[in-house]
N, C-alpha and C. Protein backbone atom coordinates (compact mmCIF):
# COMPACT_ATOMS: atom_id res chain seq x y z
N MET A 1 49.45 152.32 235.82
CA MET A 1 49.43 153.61 235.15
C MET A 1 48.08 154.27 235.35
N MET A 2 48.07 155.51 235.77
CA MET A 2 46.84 156.24 235.94
C MET A 2 46.61 157.13 234.72
N ALA A 3 45.33 157.30 234.39
CA ALA A 3 44.98 158.15 233.26
C ALA A 3 43.71 158.91 233.60
N GLU A 4 43.53 160.03 232.94
CA GLU A 4 42.31 160.81 233.11
C GLU A 4 41.20 160.14 232.30
N VAL A 5 39.99 160.12 232.86
CA VAL A 5 38.85 159.53 232.15
C VAL A 5 38.59 160.30 230.86
N THR A 6 38.92 161.58 230.83
CA THR A 6 38.68 162.38 229.62
C THR A 6 39.55 161.92 228.44
N GLU A 7 40.62 161.20 228.72
CA GLU A 7 41.48 160.68 227.66
C GLU A 7 40.76 159.61 226.82
N LEU A 8 39.67 159.04 227.34
CA LEU A 8 38.92 158.01 226.62
C LEU A 8 38.04 158.59 225.51
N PHE A 9 37.66 159.86 225.65
CA PHE A 9 36.79 160.49 224.64
C PHE A 9 37.47 160.50 223.28
N GLY A 10 36.73 160.04 222.27
CA GLY A 10 37.24 160.02 220.91
C GLY A 10 38.12 158.83 220.58
N MET A 11 38.40 158.00 221.57
CA MET A 11 39.27 156.85 221.35
C MET A 11 38.55 155.77 220.54
N PRO A 12 39.22 155.18 219.53
CA PRO A 12 38.58 154.11 218.76
C PRO A 12 38.45 152.83 219.59
N VAL A 13 37.33 152.13 219.39
CA VAL A 13 37.05 150.89 220.10
C VAL A 13 36.99 149.75 219.08
N TYR A 14 37.77 148.70 219.32
CA TYR A 14 37.83 147.55 218.42
C TYR A 14 37.31 146.30 219.13
N THR A 15 36.66 145.44 218.37
CA THR A 15 36.17 144.18 218.92
C THR A 15 37.34 143.22 219.11
N ASP A 16 37.06 142.08 219.72
CA ASP A 16 38.07 141.04 219.91
C ASP A 16 38.53 140.45 218.58
N LYS A 17 37.76 140.69 217.52
CA LYS A 17 38.11 140.20 216.18
C LYS A 17 38.88 141.26 215.37
N GLY A 18 39.13 142.43 215.98
CA GLY A 18 39.89 143.49 215.31
C GLY A 18 39.05 144.38 214.41
N ILE A 19 37.73 144.38 214.57
CA ILE A 19 36.84 145.20 213.75
C ILE A 19 36.52 146.49 214.52
N LEU A 20 36.63 147.62 213.82
CA LEU A 20 36.34 148.91 214.45
C LEU A 20 34.85 148.98 214.79
N LEU A 21 34.55 149.15 216.07
CA LEU A 21 33.17 149.30 216.53
C LEU A 21 32.74 150.76 216.45
N GLY A 22 33.59 151.67 216.81
CA GLY A 22 33.27 153.09 216.78
C GLY A 22 34.19 153.85 217.72
N GLN A 23 33.83 155.11 218.00
CA GLN A 23 34.61 155.94 218.89
C GLN A 23 33.81 156.29 220.14
N VAL A 24 34.51 156.39 221.24
CA VAL A 24 33.88 156.75 222.52
C VAL A 24 33.38 158.19 222.43
N THR A 25 32.07 158.38 222.66
CA THR A 25 31.52 159.74 222.65
C THR A 25 31.13 160.20 224.04
N ASP A 26 31.01 159.27 224.98
CA ASP A 26 30.68 159.64 226.36
C ASP A 26 31.06 158.50 227.29
N ILE A 27 31.14 158.81 228.56
CA ILE A 27 31.46 157.83 229.60
C ILE A 27 30.25 157.72 230.52
N ILE A 28 29.85 156.51 230.87
CA ILE A 28 28.73 156.30 231.78
C ILE A 28 29.31 155.92 233.14
N LEU A 29 28.99 156.74 234.14
CA LEU A 29 29.54 156.55 235.48
C LEU A 29 28.49 155.99 236.43
N ASP A 30 28.94 155.16 237.37
CA ASP A 30 28.10 154.69 238.47
C ASP A 30 28.53 155.51 239.68
N MET A 31 27.73 156.51 240.00
CA MET A 31 28.10 157.44 241.06
C MET A 31 28.05 156.82 242.44
N GLU A 32 27.22 155.78 242.63
CA GLU A 32 27.12 155.14 243.94
C GLU A 32 28.44 154.48 244.35
N ILE A 33 29.07 153.80 243.40
CA ILE A 33 30.33 153.13 243.73
C ILE A 33 31.54 153.86 243.16
N GLN A 34 31.31 155.00 242.55
CA GLN A 34 32.35 155.84 241.97
C GLN A 34 33.26 155.06 241.02
N ASP A 35 32.61 154.50 239.99
CA ASP A 35 33.32 153.67 239.02
C ASP A 35 32.75 153.92 237.63
N ILE A 36 33.50 153.55 236.61
CA ILE A 36 33.01 153.64 235.23
C ILE A 36 32.13 152.44 234.96
N TYR A 37 30.90 152.70 234.49
CA TYR A 37 29.98 151.62 234.14
C TYR A 37 30.18 151.18 232.69
N GLY A 38 30.32 152.14 231.79
CA GLY A 38 30.46 151.77 230.39
C GLY A 38 30.90 152.91 229.52
N LEU A 39 31.12 152.58 228.25
CA LEU A 39 31.50 153.55 227.24
C LEU A 39 30.34 153.71 226.27
N PHE A 40 29.96 154.94 226.00
CA PHE A 40 28.86 155.22 225.08
C PHE A 40 29.43 155.47 223.70
N ILE A 41 28.88 154.77 222.71
CA ILE A 41 29.29 154.94 221.32
C ILE A 41 28.06 155.37 220.55
N GLU A 42 28.08 156.61 220.07
CA GLU A 42 26.91 157.22 219.45
C GLU A 42 26.61 156.66 218.06
N ARG A 43 27.65 156.45 217.26
CA ARG A 43 27.46 155.95 215.90
C ARG A 43 28.34 154.72 215.66
N PRO A 44 27.92 153.56 216.17
CA PRO A 44 28.74 152.36 215.99
C PRO A 44 28.66 151.83 214.56
N ASN A 45 29.56 150.95 214.24
CA ASN A 45 29.63 150.28 212.94
C ASN A 45 28.31 149.55 212.67
N SER A 46 27.63 149.90 211.58
CA SER A 46 26.32 149.29 211.27
C SER A 46 26.45 147.83 210.85
N GLN A 47 27.66 147.36 210.59
CA GLN A 47 27.86 145.94 210.30
C GLN A 47 27.86 145.12 211.60
N LEU A 48 27.99 145.82 212.74
CA LEU A 48 28.01 145.15 214.03
C LEU A 48 26.77 145.44 214.87
N VAL A 49 26.16 146.62 214.64
CA VAL A 49 25.00 147.06 215.42
C VAL A 49 23.89 147.47 214.45
N GLU A 50 22.73 146.83 214.59
CA GLU A 50 21.60 147.09 213.71
C GLU A 50 21.30 148.59 213.63
N PHE A 51 21.19 149.09 212.42
CA PHE A 51 20.88 150.50 212.13
C PHE A 51 21.95 151.47 212.64
N GLY A 52 23.06 150.99 213.13
CA GLY A 52 24.08 151.87 213.68
C GLY A 52 23.58 152.64 214.89
N SER A 53 22.64 152.01 215.63
CA SER A 53 22.04 152.65 216.81
C SER A 53 23.07 152.79 217.92
N ALA A 54 22.96 153.89 218.67
CA ALA A 54 23.87 154.16 219.78
C ALA A 54 23.85 153.01 220.80
N ILE A 55 25.01 152.71 221.36
CA ILE A 55 25.12 151.62 222.34
C ILE A 55 26.01 152.02 223.52
N SER A 56 25.88 151.27 224.59
CA SER A 56 26.77 151.38 225.73
C SER A 56 27.51 150.05 225.85
N VAL A 57 28.81 150.13 225.88
CA VAL A 57 29.64 148.93 226.04
C VAL A 57 30.04 148.84 227.51
N PRO A 58 29.66 147.75 228.20
CA PRO A 58 30.04 147.61 229.61
C PRO A 58 31.56 147.66 229.79
N PHE A 59 32.01 148.37 230.79
CA PHE A 59 33.44 148.52 231.03
C PHE A 59 34.12 147.18 231.27
N ARG A 60 33.39 146.22 231.82
CA ARG A 60 33.98 144.90 232.10
C ARG A 60 34.31 144.14 230.81
N TRP A 61 33.79 144.58 229.67
CA TRP A 61 34.10 143.95 228.39
C TRP A 61 35.44 144.41 227.82
N ILE A 62 36.06 145.39 228.43
CA ILE A 62 37.31 145.94 227.91
C ILE A 62 38.49 145.05 228.29
N LYS A 63 39.28 144.73 227.29
CA LYS A 63 40.48 143.92 227.50
C LYS A 63 41.69 144.81 227.76
N SER A 64 41.85 145.86 226.94
CA SER A 64 43.00 146.74 227.12
C SER A 64 42.69 148.15 226.61
N ILE A 65 43.40 149.10 227.20
CA ILE A 65 43.30 150.50 226.80
C ILE A 65 44.72 151.01 226.59
N GLY A 66 44.96 151.55 225.41
CA GLY A 66 46.25 152.15 225.08
C GLY A 66 45.97 153.30 224.14
N GLU A 67 46.49 153.23 222.94
CA GLU A 67 46.14 154.23 221.93
C GLU A 67 44.77 153.92 221.35
N ILE A 68 44.34 152.67 221.51
CA ILE A 68 43.00 152.23 221.13
C ILE A 68 42.43 151.43 222.30
N ILE A 69 41.13 151.14 222.22
CA ILE A 69 40.48 150.28 223.22
C ILE A 69 40.14 148.97 222.53
N VAL A 70 40.55 147.86 223.13
CA VAL A 70 40.26 146.53 222.59
C VAL A 70 39.31 145.82 223.55
N LEU A 71 38.24 145.27 222.99
CA LEU A 71 37.26 144.57 223.81
C LEU A 71 37.63 143.11 224.00
N ARG A 72 37.27 142.60 225.13
CA ARG A 72 37.47 141.19 225.47
C ARG A 72 36.49 140.31 224.70
N LYS A 73 35.26 140.87 224.50
CA LYS A 73 34.22 140.15 223.77
C LYS A 73 33.23 141.16 223.21
N PHE A 74 32.54 140.75 222.15
CA PHE A 74 31.45 141.54 221.57
C PHE A 74 30.63 140.59 220.72
N PRO A 75 29.31 140.69 220.77
CA PRO A 75 28.47 139.78 219.96
C PRO A 75 28.74 139.96 218.47
N PRO A 76 28.54 138.91 217.66
CA PRO A 76 28.75 139.02 216.21
C PRO A 76 27.88 140.10 215.58
N PHE A 77 26.64 140.26 216.07
CA PHE A 77 25.73 141.30 215.56
C PHE A 77 24.74 141.64 216.65
N LEU A 78 24.57 142.91 216.92
CA LEU A 78 23.66 143.37 217.96
C LEU A 78 22.39 143.88 217.32
N LYS A 79 21.25 143.29 217.68
CA LYS A 79 19.94 143.73 217.16
C LYS A 79 19.34 144.73 218.12
N VAL A 80 18.62 145.69 217.55
CA VAL A 80 17.92 146.69 218.34
C VAL A 80 16.61 146.10 218.83
N PRO A 81 16.33 146.17 220.14
CA PRO A 81 15.07 145.61 220.65
C PRO A 81 13.86 146.34 220.07
N GLU A 82 12.79 145.61 219.80
CA GLU A 82 11.56 146.23 219.30
C GLU A 82 10.92 147.02 220.41
N GLN A 83 10.28 148.13 220.03
CA GLN A 83 9.67 148.98 221.06
C GLN A 83 8.19 148.80 221.12
């Protein structure tokens, strides 16, 4: 089944444990190989991502895409690196 990449915008993203991570706000493309690199989530669940900081989820972590996006894996808690 083919789909437009724009259909991913606003789609809810769930972890492998069924917890809502957030909604897709942008798509990150790899123009050299003309492929999707990842999904950008601007305001992820603060119970999963420290401070609710924006993240990019690698496309290879996606298990399925339908009415929602389900991830194959996601860390129990993502810490923001110190600057």
